[in-house]
Structures are given as C-alpha cells and as structure tokens.
N, C-alpha and C. Protein backbone atom coordinates (compact mmCIF):
# COMPACT_ATOMS: atom_id res chain seq x y z
N MET A 1 -24.93 4.02 17.43
CA MET A 1 -22.57 4.03 16.86
C MET A 1 -23.21 3.54 15.63
N LYS A 2 -22.39 4.16 14.34
CA LYS A 2 -22.13 3.28 13.01
C LYS A 2 -20.55 2.37 13.47
N ILE A 3 -20.97 1.41 12.90
CA ILE A 3 -19.53 0.69 12.46
C ILE A 3 -19.90 0.36 11.26
N ASP A 4 -18.20 0.95 10.95
CA ASP A 4 -17.86 0.45 9.32
C ASP A 4 -17.13 -0.72 9.89
N TRP A 5 -17.35 -1.97 8.06
CA TRP A 5 -16.95 -3.11 8.13
C TRP A 5 -15.82 -2.99 6.64
N ASN A 6 -14.86 -3.60 6.85
CA ASN A 6 -14.24 -3.35 5.65
C ASN A 6 -14.27 -4.99 4.60
N ASP A 7 -14.16 -4.55 3.61
CA ASP A 7 -14.50 -6.10 2.80
C ASP A 7 -13.17 -6.72 2.89
N GLN A 8 -13.45 -8.38 2.83
CA GLN A 8 -11.82 -9.52 2.65
C GLN A 8 -11.03 -9.04 2.23
N SER A 9 -11.11 -7.74 1.28
CA SER A 9 -10.13 -7.72 0.11
C SER A 9 -9.55 -5.93 0.39
N ASP A 10 -9.99 -5.44 1.16
CA ASP A 10 -9.06 -4.43 1.85
C ASP A 10 -8.26 -4.76 2.74
N PHE A 11 -6.57 -4.65 2.69
CA PHE A 11 -6.18 -5.57 3.65
C PHE A 11 -5.57 -4.45 5.22
N PRO A 12 -5.60 -4.96 5.79
CA PRO A 12 -5.62 -3.55 7.05
C PRO A 12 -4.11 -2.82 7.18
N ASP A 13 -3.89 -1.87 7.68
CA ASP A 13 -2.50 -0.97 7.29
C ASP A 13 -1.86 -0.78 8.72
N GLU A 14 -2.54 -1.22 9.70
CA GLU A 14 -1.51 -1.21 10.70
C GLU A 14 -1.03 -2.55 10.94
N ILE A 15 0.72 -2.76 11.49
CA ILE A 15 1.13 -3.53 11.47
C ILE A 15 1.26 -3.50 12.75
N SER A 16 1.64 -4.96 13.19
CA SER A 16 1.66 -5.78 14.63
C SER A 16 2.78 -5.27 15.27
N LYS A 17 3.03 -4.96 16.67
CA LYS A 17 3.73 -4.58 17.44
C LYS A 17 5.56 -5.23 17.16
N SER A 18 5.19 -6.61 16.85
CA SER A 18 6.26 -7.25 16.82
C SER A 18 6.93 -7.30 15.31
N LYS A 19 6.88 -6.81 14.61
CA LYS A 19 7.15 -6.25 13.37
C LYS A 19 7.15 -7.33 12.78
N ASP A 20 6.27 -8.38 12.62
CA ASP A 20 6.58 -9.83 12.06
C ASP A 20 5.60 -10.04 10.61
N HIS A 21 5.36 -9.05 10.58
CA HIS A 21 4.97 -8.81 8.74
C HIS A 21 3.64 -9.31 8.94
N LEU A 22 2.87 -9.10 10.15
CA LEU A 22 1.55 -9.26 10.48
C LEU A 22 0.97 -8.68 10.98
N SER A 23 -0.50 -8.07 10.77
CA SER A 23 -1.56 -7.11 10.77
C SER A 23 -2.22 -7.29 12.52
N VAL A 24 -2.29 -6.08 12.68
CA VAL A 24 -3.04 -5.72 13.93
C VAL A 24 -4.18 -6.82 13.82
N ASP A 25 -4.67 -7.92 15.25
CA ASP A 25 -5.68 -8.58 15.36
C ASP A 25 -6.63 -7.81 14.98
N VAL A 26 -7.76 -8.40 14.00
CA VAL A 26 -9.02 -7.52 13.63
C VAL A 26 -10.24 -8.68 14.11
N LEU A 27 -11.18 -8.09 14.11
CA LEU A 27 -12.45 -9.08 14.34
C LEU A 27 -12.97 -8.94 12.78
N VAL A 28 -13.42 -10.99 12.72
CA VAL A 28 -13.74 -11.02 11.49
C VAL A 28 -15.20 -11.05 11.32
N TYR A 29 -16.10 -11.13 10.66
CA TYR A 29 -17.11 -11.16 10.48
C TYR A 29 -17.86 -12.24 9.47
N ASN A 30 -18.52 -13.17 9.27
CA ASN A 30 -19.15 -13.98 8.51
C ASN A 30 -20.50 -13.53 8.58
N LYS A 31 -20.92 -13.17 7.75
CA LYS A 31 -22.43 -12.70 7.44
C LYS A 31 -23.48 -14.10 7.61
N LYS A 32 -23.22 -14.65 6.41
CA LYS A 32 -24.16 -16.09 5.63
C LYS A 32 -24.16 -17.28 7.27
N THR A 33 -22.76 -17.42 7.31
CA THR A 33 -22.72 -18.15 9.36
C THR A 33 -23.36 -17.38 10.62
N ASN A 34 -23.19 -16.36 10.24
CA ASN A 34 -23.52 -15.28 11.72
C ASN A 34 -22.60 -15.70 12.91
N GLU A 35 -21.35 -15.85 12.64
CA GLU A 35 -19.84 -16.39 12.70
C GLU A 35 -18.87 -14.88 12.98
N HIS A 36 -18.32 -14.91 14.11
CA HIS A 36 -16.92 -14.01 14.42
C HIS A 36 -15.99 -14.52 14.87
N THR A 37 -14.58 -14.04 14.36
CA THR A 37 -13.39 -15.02 14.91
C THR A 37 -12.04 -13.43 15.03
N ILE A 38 -11.27 -14.02 15.18
CA ILE A 38 -10.26 -12.88 15.25
C ILE A 38 -9.48 -13.12 14.12
N GLY A 39 -9.06 -12.47 13.47
CA GLY A 39 -8.11 -12.67 12.60
C GLY A 39 -7.30 -11.18 12.20
N TRP A 40 -5.79 -11.97 10.60
CA TRP A 40 -5.06 -11.15 10.77
C TRP A 40 -4.52 -10.94 9.03
N PHE A 41 -3.54 -10.60 9.13
CA PHE A 41 -3.50 -10.64 7.80
C PHE A 41 -1.91 -10.80 7.96
N ASN A 42 -0.94 -11.43 6.26
CA ASN A 42 0.29 -12.23 6.89
C ASN A 42 0.45 -11.48 5.20
N PHE A 43 1.37 -9.93 5.35
CA PHE A 43 1.86 -9.56 4.18
C PHE A 43 2.47 -10.50 3.45
N ASN A 44 3.58 -11.04 4.16
CA ASN A 44 4.09 -11.69 4.03
C ASN A 44 4.10 -12.97 2.29
N VAL A 45 2.41 -13.36 3.07
CA VAL A 45 2.29 -13.90 1.36
C VAL A 45 0.60 -13.78 1.19
N MET A 46 0.81 -12.52 1.91
CA MET A 46 -0.55 -11.84 1.12
C MET A 46 -1.76 -12.77 1.56
N THR A 47 -2.18 -13.05 2.54
CA THR A 47 -3.28 -13.95 2.79
C THR A 47 -3.94 -14.14 4.22
N TRP A 48 -5.14 -14.23 4.88
CA TRP A 48 -5.64 -14.71 5.96
C TRP A 48 -5.85 -14.77 7.02
N ASN A 49 -5.08 -14.90 7.95
CA ASN A 49 -4.96 -16.39 9.26
C ASN A 49 -6.48 -16.02 10.06
N PHE A 50 -7.02 -17.26 10.28
CA PHE A 50 -7.94 -16.79 11.17
C PHE A 50 -7.76 -17.83 12.88
N LEU A 51 -8.98 -17.09 14.00
CA LEU A 51 -7.98 -17.91 15.16
C LEU A 51 -8.84 -19.17 14.70
N CYS A 52 -10.34 -19.08 14.04
CA CYS A 52 -10.74 -21.04 14.43
C CYS A 52 -10.67 -21.52 13.22
N ARG A 53 -10.35 -22.91 12.84
CA ARG A 53 -9.64 -23.77 11.82
C ARG A 53 -10.54 -23.98 11.24
N GLU A 54 -11.84 -23.10 10.60
CA GLU A 54 -12.79 -23.37 9.61
C GLU A 54 -12.17 -22.40 8.55
N SER A 55 -12.56 -22.32 7.09
CA SER A 55 -12.52 -21.34 6.28
C SER A 55 -13.55 -20.45 6.34
N MET A 56 -13.42 -19.27 6.58
CA MET A 56 -14.19 -17.80 6.70
C MET A 56 -14.96 -17.70 5.34
N GLY A 57 -14.96 -18.29 4.18
CA GLY A 57 -15.40 -18.10 3.67
C GLY A 57 -15.64 -16.22 2.95
N LYS A 58 -16.49 -15.68 2.53
CA LYS A 58 -16.97 -14.38 2.13
C LYS A 58 -16.66 -13.57 3.78
N PHE A 59 -16.29 -12.64 4.25
CA PHE A 59 -15.88 -11.62 5.32
C PHE A 59 -15.98 -10.66 5.37
N LYS A 60 -16.63 -9.92 6.54
CA LYS A 60 -16.38 -8.47 6.79
C LYS A 60 -15.04 -8.60 7.63
N TRP A 61 -14.56 -7.93 7.81
CA TRP A 61 -13.44 -7.35 9.08
C TRP A 61 -13.39 -5.87 9.55
N ARG A 62 -13.40 -5.80 10.82
CA ARG A 62 -12.83 -4.56 11.41
C ARG A 62 -11.70 -4.19 12.64
N TYR A 63 -11.21 -3.16 12.90
CA TYR A 63 -10.37 -3.00 13.57
C TYR A 63 -11.16 -3.16 15.05
N PHE A 64 -10.60 -3.46 16.28
CA PHE A 64 -11.37 -4.05 16.91
C PHE A 64 -11.75 -2.36 17.86
N ILE A 65 -12.47 -2.25 19.31
CA ILE A 65 -13.22 -0.44 18.70
C ILE A 65 -13.35 -1.19 20.58
N ASP A 66 -12.67 -0.43 21.40
CA ASP A 66 -12.35 -0.28 23.17
C ASP A 66 -13.55 0.12 23.57
N SER A 67 -14.13 1.36 23.30
CA SER A 67 -15.60 1.41 23.36
C SER A 67 -16.41 -0.19 23.27
N ILE A 68 -16.35 -0.91 22.64
CA ILE A 68 -17.36 -1.73 22.55
C ILE A 68 -16.93 -2.97 22.65
N ASP A 69 -15.22 -3.43 22.38
CA ASP A 69 -15.20 -4.70 22.35
C ASP A 69 -14.61 -5.17 23.74
N LYS A 70 -14.04 -3.92 24.11
CA LYS A 70 -13.64 -4.29 25.77
C LYS A 70 -14.32 -4.64 26.91
N ILE A 71 -13.74 -6.09 27.12
CA ILE A 71 -15.05 -5.70 29.00
C ILE A 71 -14.66 -5.09 29.50
N LYS A 72 -16.04 -4.58 30.37
CA LYS A 72 -16.08 -3.88 31.31
C LYS A 72 -16.20 -4.75 32.86
N LYS A 73 -15.63 -4.07 33.88
CA LYS A 73 -14.78 -4.83 34.64
C LYS A 73 -16.16 -4.13 35.73
C-alpha cells in the first residue's frame, strides 16, 4: 500500500468535530530524525501544534488510516 504524505505547507482540510478551529489529529513524521508524533493545525493563528515538546523542524504529515494505524485486538 502506497502512503501519501503531505508537505507541511499543505494544510489539512478536515476540521475537528468540536469546531474549535483546529484540524483533526494527523500523524506527523520528521524524516531527518526518524520521529513520529501527533499534530494538528490551528487555523486561528495558522500554526502547527504537536503532541511532543520539541520542534519538529521540517516534516510531512498524513491523516490516520484505520487499516494501518488502528490497533488490532
């Protein structure tokens, strides 16, 4: 399965269900450091936010894919 990653300058187009001007959660990947985190885009201030404390630097992102990311019981 080919997974398409979006550039950090391409903003998500899915808004969270809470209507708080944040995107849905997305998976973020920094190839240079080989790190993943969860992120979201804040449309009020036009900035990315991350679950980790460190800056992600240059990164790619994608929406979660149930068939890959969902934990199987």
